[in-house]
Amino acid sequence: MEKRKRERKKTRLSIRFGAERPDKMGLITDVSARGIYIATNAILPPGSPVRVQVPVPGSEPLQLDGRVMRARRVPPAFVMISTGGMGVRLLNAPPGWKTSQALPDEV
C-alpha cells in the first residue's frame, strides 16, 4: 500500500550533499514537489539536517536544505547489487524548483 500523498517522478541526477557542507556524492533518483530520494551509501541518520547542491548547467549550483525523513542502509556485502539511500523533505525549495524538475501535478 502506497503511503505517499504526492506523486513522484523518477530521475537520475548526480548531486553533492552533506550535513553542514555538500562533501558527499549521491544520486537523486526520485523527486516530488516537497522531497527527494538520494541514493547513496553515505547515509545520514533520520532527523538530520542535510544541504544538497544540485548542478545547474551554465549557472551556480542550486542549494537545497532539507531534513532526512527515512534512511535505508545496505550491508557492505550487498553494495554491488543494491544501494542505500535517504528520503529527504525539502525545507526551502526555491520557487522554480517544481517547474525546473517538471514535476507531476500534486494529488
C-alpha atoms as a PDB file:
ATOM      1  CA  MET A   1       0.000   0.000   0.000  1.00  0.00           C
ATOM      2  CA  GLU A   2       1.401   3.377  -1.031  1.00  0.00           C
ATOM      3  CA  LYS A   3       1.687   5.832   1.900  1.00  0.00           C
ATOM      4  CA  ARG A   4       2.942   8.797  -0.087  1.00  0.00           C
ATOM      5  CA  LYS A   5       0.493  11.625  -0.645  1.00  0.00           C
ATOM      6  CA  ARG A   6       2.328  13.249  -3.551  1.00  0.00           C
ATOM      7  CA  GLU A   7       3.218  11.906  -6.951  1.00  0.00           C
ATOM      8  CA  ARG A   8       6.851  11.113  -7.641  1.00  0.00           C
ATOM      9  CA  LYS A   9       8.966  11.437 -10.746  1.00  0.00           C
ATOM     10  CA  LYS A  10      11.855   9.067 -11.419  1.00  0.00           C
ATOM     11  CA  THR A  11      15.097  10.780 -12.379  1.00  0.00           C
ATOM     12  CA  ARG A  12      18.880  10.343 -12.264  1.00  0.00           C
ATOM     13  CA  LEU A  13      20.697  13.461 -11.180  1.00  0.00           C
ATOM     14  CA  SER A  14      24.202  13.476  -9.671  1.00  0.00           C
ATOM     15  CA  ILE A  15      24.442  15.762  -6.660  1.00  0.00           C
ATOM     16  CA  ARG A  16      26.622  16.616  -3.690  1.00  0.00           C
ATOM     17  CA  PHE A  17      25.218  16.664  -0.155  1.00  0.00           C
ATOM     18  CA  GLY A  18      26.208  16.744   3.482  1.00  0.00           C
ATOM     19  CA  ALA A  19      25.088  17.645   6.975  1.00  0.00           C
ATOM     20  CA  GLU A  20      26.879  21.002   7.053  1.00  0.00           C
ATOM     21  CA  ARG A  21      28.529  21.250   3.658  1.00  0.00           C
ATOM     22  CA  PRO A  22      27.982  19.218   0.499  1.00  0.00           C
ATOM     23  CA  ASP A  23      31.057  16.958   0.662  1.00  0.00           C
ATOM     24  CA  LYS A  24      29.451  13.590  -0.196  1.00  0.00           C
ATOM     25  CA  MET A  25      28.258  12.261  -3.555  1.00  0.00           C
ATOM     26  CA  GLY A  26      24.813  10.923  -4.289  1.00  0.00           C
ATOM     27  CA  LEU A  27      22.202  10.486  -6.966  1.00  0.00           C
ATOM     28  CA  ILE A  28      18.669  11.865  -6.826  1.00  0.00           C
ATOM     29  CA  THR A  29      16.518   9.009  -8.140  1.00  0.00           C
ATOM     30  CA  ASP A  30      13.056  10.176  -7.110  1.00  0.00           C
ATOM     31  CA  VAL A  31      11.687  13.697  -6.838  1.00  0.00           C
ATOM     32  CA  SER A  32       8.448  15.390  -5.810  1.00  0.00           C
ATOM     33  CA  ALA A  33       7.429  18.963  -5.058  1.00  0.00           C
ATOM     34  CA  ARG A  34       8.343  18.506  -1.384  1.00  0.00           C
ATOM     35  CA  GLY A  35      11.112  15.940  -1.332  1.00  0.00           C
ATOM     36  CA  ILE A  36      13.796  13.842  -2.959  1.00  0.00           C
ATOM     37  CA  TYR A  37      15.301  10.396  -2.573  1.00  0.00           C
ATOM     38  CA  ILE A  38      19.105  10.353  -2.588  1.00  0.00           C
ATOM     39  CA  ALA A  39      20.712   7.026  -3.494  1.00  0.00           C
ATOM     40  CA  THR A  40      23.992   6.838  -1.574  1.00  0.00           C
ATOM     41  CA  ASN A  41      25.935   4.724   0.878  1.00  0.00           C
ATOM     42  CA  ALA A  42      26.897   7.836   2.896  1.00  0.00           C
ATOM     43  CA  ILE A  43      23.672   7.738   4.925  1.00  0.00           C
ATOM     44  CA  LEU A  44      22.777  10.441   7.433  1.00  0.00           C
ATOM     45  CA  PRO A  45      20.502   9.463  10.341  1.00  0.00           C
ATOM     46  CA  PRO A  46      16.779  10.295  10.216  1.00  0.00           C
ATOM     47  CA  GLY A  47      16.122  13.753  11.640  1.00  0.00           C
ATOM     48  CA  SER A  48      19.479  15.097  10.443  1.00  0.00           C
ATOM     49  CA  PRO A  49      19.641  18.358   8.511  1.00  0.00           C
ATOM     50  CA  VAL A  50      21.054  17.971   5.011  1.00  0.00           C
ATOM     51  CA  ARG A  51      22.309  20.503   2.469  1.00  0.00           C
ATOM     52  CA  VAL A  52      22.031  19.437  -1.177  1.00  0.00           C
ATOM     53  CA  GLN A  53      23.915  21.037  -4.056  1.00  0.00           C
ATOM     54  CA  VAL A  54      22.285  20.432  -7.455  1.00  0.00           C
ATOM     55  CA  PRO A  55      24.349  21.300 -10.544  1.00  0.00           C
ATOM     56  CA  VAL A  56      22.733  23.752 -12.978  1.00  0.00           C
ATOM     57  CA  PRO A  57      24.367  23.945 -16.426  1.00  0.00           C
ATOM     58  CA  GLY A  58      25.703  27.434 -17.118  1.00  0.00           C
ATOM     59  CA  SER A  59      24.850  28.727 -13.651  1.00  0.00           C
ATOM     60  CA  GLU A  60      25.692  28.413  -9.975  1.00  0.00           C
ATOM     61  CA  PRO A  61      24.593  25.155  -8.300  1.00  0.00           C
ATOM     62  CA  LEU A  62      21.153  25.206  -6.709  1.00  0.00           C
ATOM     63  CA  GLN A  63      21.301  24.941  -2.899  1.00  0.00           C
ATOM     64  CA  LEU A  64      18.527  22.998  -1.172  1.00  0.00           C
ATOM     65  CA  ASP A  65      18.140  22.453   2.562  1.00  0.00           C
ATOM     66  CA  GLY A  66      16.197  19.533   3.930  1.00  0.00           C
ATOM     67  CA  ARG A  67      15.758  17.012   6.690  1.00  0.00           C
ATOM     68  CA  VAL A  68      16.341  13.261   6.431  1.00  0.00           C
ATOM     69  CA  MET A  69      12.969  11.602   6.986  1.00  0.00           C
ATOM     70  CA  ARG A  70      13.982   7.991   6.385  1.00  0.00           C
ATOM     71  CA  ALA A  71      17.191   6.137   5.684  1.00  0.00           C
ATOM     72  CA  ARG A  72      17.992   2.720   4.253  1.00  0.00           C
ATOM     73  CA  ARG A  73      21.419   1.189   4.858  1.00  0.00           C
ATOM     74  CA  VAL A  74      22.723  -1.651   2.760  1.00  0.00           C
ATOM     75  CA  PRO A  75      25.326  -4.008   4.264  1.00  0.00           C
ATOM     76  CA  PRO A  76      28.737  -3.759   2.550  1.00  0.00           C
ATOM     77  CA  ALA A  77      28.352  -7.284   1.141  1.00  0.00           C
ATOM     78  CA  PHE A  78      25.310  -6.157  -0.890  1.00  0.00           C
ATOM     79  CA  VAL A  79      26.571  -2.805  -2.189  1.00  0.00           C
ATOM     80  CA  MET A  80      27.152  -4.251  -5.667  1.00  0.00           C
ATOM     81  CA  ILE A  81      23.517  -5.347  -6.032  1.00  0.00           C
ATOM     82  CA  SER A  82      21.615  -2.719  -4.039  1.00  0.00           C
ATOM     83  CA  THR A  83      22.100   0.869  -2.945  1.00  0.00           C
ATOM     84  CA  GLY A  84      21.085   2.502   0.264  1.00  0.00           C
ATOM     85  CA  GLY A  85      19.630   5.944   0.394  1.00  0.00           C
ATOM     86  CA  MET A  86      17.656   8.629   2.180  1.00  0.00           C
ATOM     87  CA  GLY A  87      14.266  10.218   1.801  1.00  0.00           C
ATOM     88  CA  VAL A  88      14.708  13.967   2.293  1.00  0.00           C
ATOM     89  CA  ARG A  89      11.956  16.511   2.888  1.00  0.00           C
ATOM     90  CA  LEU A  90      12.925  19.836   1.323  1.00  0.00           C
ATOM     91  CA  LEU A  91      12.642  22.821   3.643  1.00  0.00           C
ATOM     92  CA  ASN A  92      13.499  25.716   1.370  1.00  0.00           C
ATOM     93  CA  ALA A  93      12.784  24.661  -2.195  1.00  0.00           C
ATOM     94  CA  PRO A  94      13.050  27.813  -4.301  1.00  0.00           C
ATOM     95  CA  PRO A  95      10.006  28.843  -6.351  1.00  0.00           C
ATOM     96  CA  GLY A  96      11.496  27.478  -9.589  1.00  0.00           C
ATOM     97  CA  TRP A  97      12.241  24.019  -8.152  1.00  0.00           C
ATOM     98  CA  LYS A  98       8.903  22.499  -9.126  1.00  0.00           C
ATOM     99  CA  THR A  99       8.944  23.784 -12.707  1.00  0.00           C
ATOM    100  CA  SER A 100      12.651  23.043 -13.173  1.00  0.00           C
ATOM    101  CA  GLN A 101      12.054  19.380 -12.355  1.00  0.00           C
ATOM    102  CA  ALA A 102       8.858  19.086 -14.468  1.00  0.00           C
ATOM    103  CA  LEU A 103       7.127  17.511 -11.506  1.00  0.00           C
ATOM    104  CA  PRO A 104       3.730  15.848 -11.779  1.00  0.00           C
ATOM    105  CA  ASP A 105       0.723  17.785 -10.545  1.00  0.00           C
ATOM    106  CA  GLU A 106       0.054  17.232  -6.868  1.00  0.00           C
ATOM    107  CA  VAL A 107      -2.786  14.891  -5.991  1.00  0.00           C
END
